[in-house]
Amino acid sequence: MKKIEIYTTIYCPFCIKAKILLNKKKIKFYEIDLSNDETLREKMSIMANGARSVPQIFVDDVYIGDCDKIYKLDKEKKLDKLLGLE
């Protein structure tokens, strides 16, 4: 099983939307809340090629992208393979 991590904040509607898609696919994921942790956000930003917005999604420590990106990958029928569902 692949390790899925999603960096979020509690007040982010895009985070909720991304989690809805992952839950719909019945994917177990680890949510890392950055709401009050600037140090952790900086760490995420380095791993996400400078992106500071949330959500940011990683699969097996490989940067996948944000909410728009995973919905785009899903529409292109590429997300399931990345998540290890195929």
N, C-alpha and C. Protein backbone atom coordinates (compact mmCIF):
# COMPACT_ATOMS: atom_id res chain seq x y z
N MET A 1 0.85 -1.18 0.00
CA MET A 1 0.00 0.00 0.00
C MET A 1 0.89 1.24 0.00
N LYS A 2 0.53 2.21 -0.78
CA LYS A 2 1.30 3.45 -0.89
C LYS A 2 0.99 4.37 0.29
N LYS A 3 1.99 5.16 0.65
CA LYS A 3 1.82 6.14 1.72
C LYS A 3 1.37 7.46 1.09
N ILE A 4 0.18 7.90 1.46
CA ILE A 4 -0.39 9.13 0.95
C ILE A 4 -0.38 10.15 2.08
N GLU A 5 0.21 11.31 1.83
CA GLU A 5 0.22 12.40 2.80
C GLU A 5 -0.41 13.63 2.17
N ILE A 6 -1.23 14.30 2.95
CA ILE A 6 -1.84 15.54 2.48
C ILE A 6 -1.64 16.61 3.56
N TYR A 7 -0.99 17.67 3.16
CA TYR A 7 -0.74 18.80 4.05
C TYR A 7 -1.91 19.76 3.93
N THR A 8 -2.50 20.12 5.07
CA THR A 8 -3.74 20.89 5.08
C THR A 8 -3.70 21.98 6.16
N THR A 9 -4.76 22.78 6.15
CA THR A 9 -5.10 23.64 7.28
C THR A 9 -6.58 23.45 7.56
N ILE A 10 -7.00 23.81 8.76
CA ILE A 10 -8.39 23.55 9.15
C ILE A 10 -9.38 24.46 8.43
N TYR A 11 -8.93 25.56 7.88
CA TYR A 11 -9.84 26.55 7.28
C TYR A 11 -9.77 26.58 5.75
N CYS A 12 -9.27 25.52 5.14
CA CYS A 12 -9.04 25.51 3.69
C CYS A 12 -10.11 24.70 2.94
N PRO A 13 -10.92 25.37 2.11
CA PRO A 13 -11.95 24.63 1.36
C PRO A 13 -11.35 23.68 0.31
N PHE A 14 -10.18 24.01 -0.23
CA PHE A 14 -9.55 23.13 -1.21
C PHE A 14 -9.03 21.87 -0.54
N CYS A 15 -8.63 21.98 0.71
CA CYS A 15 -8.21 20.79 1.47
C CYS A 15 -9.38 19.84 1.64
N ILE A 16 -10.52 20.39 1.98
CA ILE A 16 -11.72 19.58 2.15
C ILE A 16 -12.07 18.90 0.83
N LYS A 17 -12.01 19.63 -0.26
CA LYS A 17 -12.32 19.07 -1.57
C LYS A 17 -11.36 17.94 -1.94
N ALA A 18 -10.07 18.11 -1.67
CA ALA A 18 -9.08 17.07 -1.97
C ALA A 18 -9.34 15.83 -1.12
N LYS A 19 -9.65 16.03 0.16
CA LYS A 19 -9.93 14.89 1.04
C LYS A 19 -11.20 14.16 0.61
N ILE A 20 -12.17 14.89 0.10
CA ILE A 20 -13.40 14.25 -0.40
C ILE A 20 -13.05 13.29 -1.53
N LEU A 21 -12.20 13.71 -2.45
CA LEU A 21 -11.82 12.84 -3.57
C LEU A 21 -11.07 11.61 -3.06
N LEU A 22 -10.12 11.80 -2.16
CA LEU A 22 -9.38 10.66 -1.62
C LEU A 22 -10.29 9.71 -0.85
N ASN A 23 -11.21 10.26 -0.07
CA ASN A 23 -12.16 9.41 0.66
C ASN A 23 -13.08 8.66 -0.29
N LYS A 24 -13.50 9.32 -1.36
CA LYS A 24 -14.35 8.67 -2.36
C LYS A 24 -13.66 7.45 -2.95
N LYS A 25 -12.36 7.54 -3.09
CA LYS A 25 -11.57 6.43 -3.63
C LYS A 25 -11.17 5.43 -2.55
N LYS A 26 -11.63 5.68 -1.32
CA LYS A 26 -11.36 4.80 -0.18
C LYS A 26 -9.86 4.64 0.07
N ILE A 27 -9.16 5.76 -0.05
CA ILE A 27 -7.72 5.80 0.16
C ILE A 27 -7.42 6.19 1.60
N LYS A 28 -6.57 5.42 2.25
CA LYS A 28 -6.10 5.80 3.57
C LYS A 28 -4.99 6.83 3.37
N PHE A 29 -5.11 7.96 4.05
CA PHE A 29 -4.10 9.00 3.92
C PHE A 29 -3.79 9.59 5.28
N TYR A 30 -2.62 10.18 5.37
CA TYR A 30 -2.19 10.84 6.58
C TYR A 30 -2.31 12.34 6.36
N GLU A 31 -3.06 12.99 7.24
CA GLU A 31 -3.27 14.43 7.13
C GLU A 31 -2.33 15.14 8.09
N ILE A 32 -1.57 16.07 7.55
CA ILE A 32 -0.65 16.87 8.35
C ILE A 32 -1.19 18.29 8.39
N ASP A 33 -1.64 18.72 9.56
CA ASP A 33 -2.25 20.04 9.74
C ASP A 33 -1.17 21.10 9.98
N LEU A 34 -1.11 22.07 9.08
CA LEU A 34 -0.13 23.15 9.17
C LEU A 34 -0.69 24.42 9.80
N SER A 35 -1.90 24.37 10.29
CA SER A 35 -2.60 25.58 10.74
C SER A 35 -1.77 26.47 11.65
N ASN A 36 -1.05 25.89 12.58
CA ASN A 36 -0.31 26.69 13.56
C ASN A 36 1.17 26.33 13.60
N ASP A 37 1.71 25.85 12.49
CA ASP A 37 3.09 25.39 12.50
C ASP A 37 3.85 25.87 11.27
N GLU A 38 4.43 27.05 11.38
CA GLU A 38 5.15 27.65 10.26
C GLU A 38 6.39 26.85 9.88
N THR A 39 7.03 26.20 10.85
CA THR A 39 8.20 25.38 10.57
C THR A 39 7.83 24.19 9.70
N LEU A 40 6.71 23.57 10.02
CA LEU A 40 6.23 22.43 9.22
C LEU A 40 5.82 22.89 7.82
N ARG A 41 5.22 24.06 7.71
CA ARG A 41 4.85 24.59 6.40
C ARG A 41 6.09 24.83 5.55
N GLU A 42 7.15 25.32 6.17
CA GLU A 42 8.40 25.54 5.44
C GLU A 42 8.97 24.22 4.94
N LYS A 43 8.92 23.20 5.78
CA LYS A 43 9.38 21.87 5.37
C LYS A 43 8.57 21.36 4.17
N MET A 44 7.24 21.51 4.25
CA MET A 44 6.37 21.10 3.15
C MET A 44 6.72 21.87 1.88
N SER A 45 6.94 23.16 2.02
CA SER A 45 7.24 24.00 0.87
C SER A 45 8.51 23.55 0.16
N ILE A 46 9.51 23.17 0.91
CA ILE A 46 10.74 22.67 0.31
C ILE A 46 10.47 21.39 -0.47
N MET A 47 9.68 20.49 0.13
CA MET A 47 9.35 19.21 -0.53
C MET A 47 8.46 19.43 -1.75
N ALA A 48 7.67 20.52 -1.74
CA ALA A 48 6.70 20.79 -2.81
C ALA A 48 7.22 21.82 -3.81
N ASN A 49 8.52 21.84 -3.99
CA ASN A 49 9.15 22.73 -4.98
C ASN A 49 8.77 24.20 -4.80
N GLY A 50 8.65 24.63 -3.55
CA GLY A 50 8.37 26.03 -3.26
C GLY A 50 6.91 26.38 -3.03
N ALA A 51 6.01 25.46 -3.29
CA ALA A 51 4.58 25.73 -3.06
C ALA A 51 4.32 25.90 -1.57
N ARG A 52 3.58 26.94 -1.21
CA ARG A 52 3.25 27.19 0.19
C ARG A 52 1.75 27.06 0.47
N SER A 53 0.97 26.98 -0.60
CA SER A 53 -0.48 26.86 -0.42
C SER A 53 -0.82 25.41 -0.03
N VAL A 54 -2.01 25.25 0.48
CA VAL A 54 -2.50 23.91 0.82
C VAL A 54 -3.79 23.65 0.07
N PRO A 55 -4.10 22.42 -0.19
CA PRO A 55 -3.36 21.23 0.20
C PRO A 55 -2.19 20.95 -0.75
N GLN A 56 -1.25 20.18 -0.26
CA GLN A 56 -0.19 19.62 -1.08
C GLN A 56 -0.17 18.13 -0.79
N ILE A 57 -0.11 17.34 -1.86
CA ILE A 57 -0.27 15.89 -1.74
C ILE A 57 1.01 15.19 -2.20
N PHE A 58 1.38 14.18 -1.43
CA PHE A 58 2.57 13.37 -1.70
C PHE A 58 2.19 11.91 -1.69
N VAL A 59 2.76 11.14 -2.61
CA VAL A 59 2.56 9.69 -2.65
C VAL A 59 3.94 9.05 -2.54
N ASP A 60 4.12 8.25 -1.50
CA ASP A 60 5.43 7.65 -1.22
C ASP A 60 6.53 8.69 -1.28
N ASP A 61 6.30 9.82 -0.63
CA ASP A 61 7.25 10.93 -0.52
C ASP A 61 7.56 11.63 -1.85
N VAL A 62 6.76 11.35 -2.88
CA VAL A 62 6.92 12.02 -4.17
C VAL A 62 5.82 13.07 -4.28
N TYR A 63 6.19 14.28 -4.62
CA TYR A 63 5.25 15.38 -4.73
C TYR A 63 4.32 15.18 -5.93
N ILE A 64 3.03 15.19 -5.66
CA ILE A 64 2.02 15.02 -6.72
C ILE A 64 1.41 16.36 -7.12
N GLY A 65 1.09 17.20 -6.14
CA GLY A 65 0.50 18.49 -6.46
C GLY A 65 -0.57 18.90 -5.47
N ASP A 66 -1.41 19.84 -5.91
CA ASP A 66 -2.45 20.38 -5.06
C ASP A 66 -3.81 19.79 -5.41
N CYS A 67 -4.85 20.41 -4.92
CA CYS A 67 -6.21 19.92 -5.16
C CYS A 67 -6.55 19.90 -6.65
N ASP A 68 -6.27 21.00 -7.34
CA ASP A 68 -6.57 21.04 -8.77
C ASP A 68 -5.84 19.94 -9.52
N LYS A 69 -4.60 19.69 -9.13
CA LYS A 69 -3.79 18.68 -9.81
C LYS A 69 -4.37 17.28 -9.62
N ILE A 70 -4.80 16.92 -8.42
CA ILE A 70 -5.32 15.55 -8.26
C ILE A 70 -6.66 15.39 -8.96
N TYR A 71 -7.47 16.45 -9.01
CA TYR A 71 -8.71 16.36 -9.78
C TYR A 71 -8.43 16.24 -11.28
N LYS A 72 -7.40 16.94 -11.74
CA LYS A 72 -7.00 16.84 -13.14
C LYS A 72 -6.50 15.43 -13.45
N LEU A 73 -5.67 14.90 -12.58
CA LEU A 73 -5.17 13.53 -12.77
C LEU A 73 -6.31 12.53 -12.76
N ASP A 74 -7.30 12.75 -11.90
CA ASP A 74 -8.46 11.85 -11.85
C ASP A 74 -9.24 11.92 -13.15
N LYS A 75 -9.45 13.13 -13.65
CA LYS A 75 -10.19 13.30 -14.90
C LYS A 75 -9.46 12.63 -16.07
N GLU A 76 -8.13 12.67 -16.03
CA GLU A 76 -7.31 12.05 -17.08
C GLU A 76 -7.12 10.55 -16.85
N LYS A 77 -7.76 10.00 -15.81
CA LYS A 77 -7.67 8.57 -15.47
C LYS A 77 -6.25 8.16 -15.10
N LYS A 78 -5.48 9.06 -14.47
CA LYS A 78 -4.10 8.78 -14.06
C LYS A 78 -3.95 8.68 -12.55
N LEU A 79 -4.92 9.17 -11.80
CA LEU A 79 -4.80 9.24 -10.35
C LEU A 79 -4.80 7.85 -9.71
N ASP A 80 -5.67 6.97 -10.15
CA ASP A 80 -5.76 5.65 -9.54
C ASP A 80 -4.43 4.91 -9.58
N LYS A 81 -3.74 4.99 -10.70
CA LYS A 81 -2.44 4.33 -10.80
C LYS A 81 -1.44 4.94 -9.82
N LEU A 82 -1.41 6.27 -9.73
CA LEU A 82 -0.52 6.94 -8.78
C LEU A 82 -0.79 6.54 -7.34
N LEU A 83 -2.06 6.35 -7.03
CA LEU A 83 -2.46 6.00 -5.67
C LEU A 83 -2.32 4.50 -5.39
N GLY A 84 -1.98 3.72 -6.40
CA GLY A 84 -1.82 2.29 -6.23
C GLY A 84 -3.12 1.52 -6.26
N LEU A 85 -4.13 2.07 -6.91
CA LEU A 85 -5.43 1.41 -7.00
C LEU A 85 -5.54 0.48 -8.21
N GLU A 86 -4.59 0.55 -9.10
CA GLU A 86 -4.63 -0.30 -10.30
C GLU A 86 -3.60 -1.38 -10.21
